[in-house]
Amino acid sequence: MLLGPDTFEPPKSLPGRLLSARQLLGLSQADLAEKIGVDRGTVSDWERGVRPPAEERLGAVEALLSPDAGKPA
């Protein structure tokens, strides 16, 4: 065990969670931006913590990046 047990801890900040979830799904910033109707630069700003997603976009982002996205109910 090079890094020891349980060394991975998911990011706690919103920008870190957005970045991790997007990458886990194999989406580029441009892919995510297109799916939720914003510019790629906007996604970049969110992930760098420059500004948070607007309230009206937060639900769409959450739905798309949630672990259950795309799974039948």
N, C-alpha and C. Protein backbone atom coordinates (compact mmCIF):
# COMPACT_ATOMS: atom_id res chain seq x y z
N MET A 1 0.84 -1.18 0.00
CA MET A 1 0.00 0.00 0.00
C MET A 1 0.88 1.24 0.00
N LEU A 2 1.01 1.81 -1.14
CA LEU A 2 1.86 2.97 -1.30
C LEU A 2 1.34 4.18 -0.52
N LEU A 3 0.07 4.42 -0.61
CA LEU A 3 -0.50 5.60 0.03
C LEU A 3 -1.25 5.29 1.32
N GLY A 4 -1.33 4.07 1.68
CA GLY A 4 -2.03 3.70 2.90
C GLY A 4 -3.50 3.42 2.64
N PRO A 5 -4.21 2.95 3.65
CA PRO A 5 -5.62 2.60 3.50
C PRO A 5 -6.49 3.85 3.37
N ASP A 6 -7.52 3.72 2.56
CA ASP A 6 -8.54 4.77 2.44
C ASP A 6 -7.94 6.16 2.24
N THR A 7 -7.03 6.29 1.32
CA THR A 7 -6.42 7.60 1.11
C THR A 7 -7.26 8.50 0.22
N PHE A 8 -8.20 7.92 -0.55
CA PHE A 8 -9.05 8.75 -1.39
C PHE A 8 -10.21 9.30 -0.59
N GLU A 9 -10.34 10.60 -0.61
CA GLU A 9 -11.48 11.25 0.02
C GLU A 9 -12.11 12.16 -1.01
N PRO A 10 -13.40 11.99 -1.29
CA PRO A 10 -14.04 12.84 -2.29
C PRO A 10 -13.94 14.31 -1.90
N PRO A 11 -13.85 15.19 -2.89
CA PRO A 11 -13.78 16.62 -2.57
C PRO A 11 -15.04 17.09 -1.86
N LYS A 12 -14.87 18.02 -0.96
CA LYS A 12 -16.00 18.54 -0.21
C LYS A 12 -16.53 19.84 -0.79
N SER A 13 -15.71 20.54 -1.53
CA SER A 13 -16.15 21.81 -2.10
C SER A 13 -17.00 21.56 -3.35
N LEU A 14 -17.90 22.48 -3.65
CA LEU A 14 -18.73 22.35 -4.84
C LEU A 14 -17.88 22.28 -6.11
N PRO A 15 -16.90 23.17 -6.29
CA PRO A 15 -16.07 23.06 -7.50
C PRO A 15 -15.39 21.70 -7.64
N GLY A 16 -14.87 21.18 -6.55
CA GLY A 16 -14.20 19.88 -6.59
C GLY A 16 -15.17 18.75 -6.89
N ARG A 17 -16.37 18.82 -6.32
CA ARG A 17 -17.37 17.79 -6.58
C ARG A 17 -17.82 17.82 -8.04
N LEU A 18 -18.00 19.03 -8.59
CA LEU A 18 -18.40 19.16 -9.99
C LEU A 18 -17.33 18.54 -10.90
N LEU A 19 -16.09 18.90 -10.66
CA LEU A 19 -14.99 18.39 -11.48
C LEU A 19 -14.90 16.87 -11.38
N SER A 20 -14.93 16.34 -10.18
CA SER A 20 -14.83 14.89 -10.00
C SER A 20 -15.97 14.15 -10.67
N ALA A 21 -17.19 14.61 -10.47
CA ALA A 21 -18.36 13.94 -11.06
C ALA A 21 -18.30 13.99 -12.58
N ARG A 22 -17.94 15.12 -13.12
CA ARG A 22 -17.85 15.26 -14.58
C ARG A 22 -16.80 14.30 -15.14
N GLN A 23 -15.65 14.25 -14.51
CA GLN A 23 -14.58 13.38 -14.98
C GLN A 23 -14.95 11.90 -14.83
N LEU A 24 -15.62 11.54 -13.75
CA LEU A 24 -16.04 10.15 -13.56
C LEU A 24 -16.99 9.69 -14.66
N LEU A 25 -17.79 10.62 -15.16
CA LEU A 25 -18.73 10.29 -16.24
C LEU A 25 -18.08 10.38 -17.61
N GLY A 26 -16.82 10.79 -17.66
CA GLY A 26 -16.11 10.88 -18.93
C GLY A 26 -16.55 12.03 -19.80
N LEU A 27 -17.07 13.09 -19.17
CA LEU A 27 -17.52 14.25 -19.93
C LEU A 27 -16.45 15.33 -19.93
N SER A 28 -16.29 16.01 -21.05
CA SER A 28 -15.43 17.19 -21.09
C SER A 28 -16.25 18.38 -20.58
N GLN A 29 -15.58 19.48 -20.32
CA GLN A 29 -16.31 20.68 -19.94
C GLN A 29 -17.27 21.08 -21.05
N ALA A 30 -16.83 20.95 -22.30
CA ALA A 30 -17.69 21.30 -23.44
C ALA A 30 -18.91 20.38 -23.50
N ASP A 31 -18.72 19.09 -23.23
CA ASP A 31 -19.84 18.14 -23.22
C ASP A 31 -20.89 18.55 -22.18
N LEU A 32 -20.41 18.80 -20.97
CA LEU A 32 -21.32 19.19 -19.90
C LEU A 32 -22.02 20.49 -20.23
N ALA A 33 -21.27 21.46 -20.72
CA ALA A 33 -21.84 22.76 -21.07
C ALA A 33 -22.96 22.61 -22.09
N GLU A 34 -22.73 21.80 -23.11
CA GLU A 34 -23.73 21.60 -24.16
C GLU A 34 -24.99 20.96 -23.60
N LYS A 35 -24.81 19.98 -22.72
CA LYS A 35 -25.95 19.26 -22.16
C LYS A 35 -26.84 20.13 -21.27
N ILE A 36 -26.26 21.15 -20.63
CA ILE A 36 -27.07 21.98 -19.73
C ILE A 36 -27.28 23.39 -20.26
N GLY A 37 -26.79 23.67 -21.48
CA GLY A 37 -27.09 24.94 -22.13
C GLY A 37 -26.30 26.14 -21.65
N VAL A 38 -25.02 25.94 -21.36
CA VAL A 38 -24.15 27.05 -20.98
C VAL A 38 -22.87 26.97 -21.81
N ASP A 39 -22.03 27.98 -21.73
CA ASP A 39 -20.75 27.96 -22.42
C ASP A 39 -19.75 27.10 -21.65
N ARG A 40 -18.74 26.59 -22.35
CA ARG A 40 -17.69 25.81 -21.71
C ARG A 40 -16.96 26.64 -20.66
N GLY A 41 -16.79 27.91 -20.92
CA GLY A 41 -16.13 28.79 -19.96
C GLY A 41 -16.89 28.91 -18.65
N THR A 42 -18.20 28.80 -18.73
CA THR A 42 -19.02 28.85 -17.53
C THR A 42 -18.74 27.63 -16.65
N VAL A 43 -18.67 26.45 -17.27
CA VAL A 43 -18.35 25.23 -16.52
C VAL A 43 -16.95 25.36 -15.91
N SER A 44 -16.03 25.89 -16.67
CA SER A 44 -14.67 26.11 -16.16
C SER A 44 -14.69 27.02 -14.94
N ASP A 45 -15.45 28.10 -15.01
CA ASP A 45 -15.57 29.03 -13.87
C ASP A 45 -16.13 28.31 -12.65
N TRP A 46 -17.12 27.47 -12.84
CA TRP A 46 -17.71 26.73 -11.72
C TRP A 46 -16.67 25.83 -11.07
N GLU A 47 -15.92 25.12 -11.91
CA GLU A 47 -14.95 24.15 -11.40
C GLU A 47 -13.74 24.81 -10.75
N ARG A 48 -13.43 26.03 -11.15
CA ARG A 48 -12.31 26.76 -10.54
C ARG A 48 -12.77 27.58 -9.34
N GLY A 49 -14.07 27.59 -9.07
CA GLY A 49 -14.59 28.33 -7.93
C GLY A 49 -14.68 29.82 -8.18
N VAL A 50 -14.63 30.23 -9.45
CA VAL A 50 -14.75 31.64 -9.79
C VAL A 50 -16.16 32.14 -9.48
N ARG A 51 -17.12 31.30 -9.79
CA ARG A 51 -18.52 31.60 -9.46
C ARG A 51 -19.29 30.28 -9.40
N PRO A 52 -20.33 30.25 -8.58
CA PRO A 52 -21.14 29.03 -8.49
C PRO A 52 -22.19 28.99 -9.60
N PRO A 53 -22.73 27.81 -9.86
CA PRO A 53 -23.83 27.73 -10.83
C PRO A 53 -25.02 28.54 -10.34
N ALA A 54 -25.72 29.19 -11.27
CA ALA A 54 -26.94 29.91 -10.93
C ALA A 54 -27.98 28.90 -10.45
N GLU A 55 -28.86 29.35 -9.60
CA GLU A 55 -29.90 28.46 -9.04
C GLU A 55 -30.63 27.68 -10.13
N GLU A 56 -30.97 28.36 -11.24
CA GLU A 56 -31.73 27.68 -12.29
C GLU A 56 -30.92 26.61 -13.02
N ARG A 57 -29.61 26.64 -12.90
CA ARG A 57 -28.75 25.63 -13.54
C ARG A 57 -28.35 24.53 -12.57
N LEU A 58 -28.37 24.80 -11.30
CA LEU A 58 -27.89 23.85 -10.30
C LEU A 58 -28.65 22.53 -10.36
N GLY A 59 -29.95 22.58 -10.50
CA GLY A 59 -30.75 21.35 -10.59
C GLY A 59 -30.38 20.51 -11.80
N ALA A 60 -30.17 21.16 -12.94
CA ALA A 60 -29.80 20.45 -14.16
C ALA A 60 -28.42 19.81 -14.01
N VAL A 61 -27.50 20.54 -13.40
CA VAL A 61 -26.16 20.01 -13.18
C VAL A 61 -26.22 18.81 -12.25
N GLU A 62 -26.95 18.94 -11.18
CA GLU A 62 -27.07 17.86 -10.20
C GLU A 62 -27.70 16.62 -10.84
N ALA A 63 -28.76 16.81 -11.62
CA ALA A 63 -29.43 15.68 -12.25
C ALA A 63 -28.51 14.96 -13.23
N LEU A 64 -27.74 15.73 -13.98
CA LEU A 64 -26.85 15.15 -14.98
C LEU A 64 -25.66 14.44 -14.35
N LEU A 65 -25.13 14.98 -13.27
CA LEU A 65 -23.92 14.45 -12.68
C LEU A 65 -24.16 13.49 -11.51
N SER A 66 -25.41 13.27 -11.14
CA SER A 66 -25.68 12.37 -10.03
C SER A 66 -25.31 10.94 -10.40
N PRO A 67 -24.94 10.13 -9.41
CA PRO A 67 -24.57 8.73 -9.69
C PRO A 67 -25.69 7.94 -10.34
N ASP A 68 -26.94 8.35 -10.14
CA ASP A 68 -28.07 7.61 -10.71
C ASP A 68 -28.50 8.14 -12.07
N ALA A 69 -27.81 9.14 -12.60
CA ALA A 69 -28.18 9.72 -13.90
C ALA A 69 -28.17 8.65 -14.98
N GLY A 70 -29.22 8.62 -15.77
CA GLY A 70 -29.28 7.66 -16.87
C GLY A 70 -29.75 6.28 -16.50
N LYS A 71 -29.95 6.02 -15.21
CA LYS A 71 -30.44 4.72 -14.79
C LYS A 71 -31.97 4.75 -14.74
N PRO A 72 -32.62 3.68 -15.14
CA PRO A 72 -34.09 3.66 -15.05
C PRO A 72 -34.55 3.72 -13.60
N ALA A 73 -35.66 4.37 -13.40
CA ALA A 73 -36.20 4.52 -12.03
C ALA A 73 -36.80 3.24 -11.53
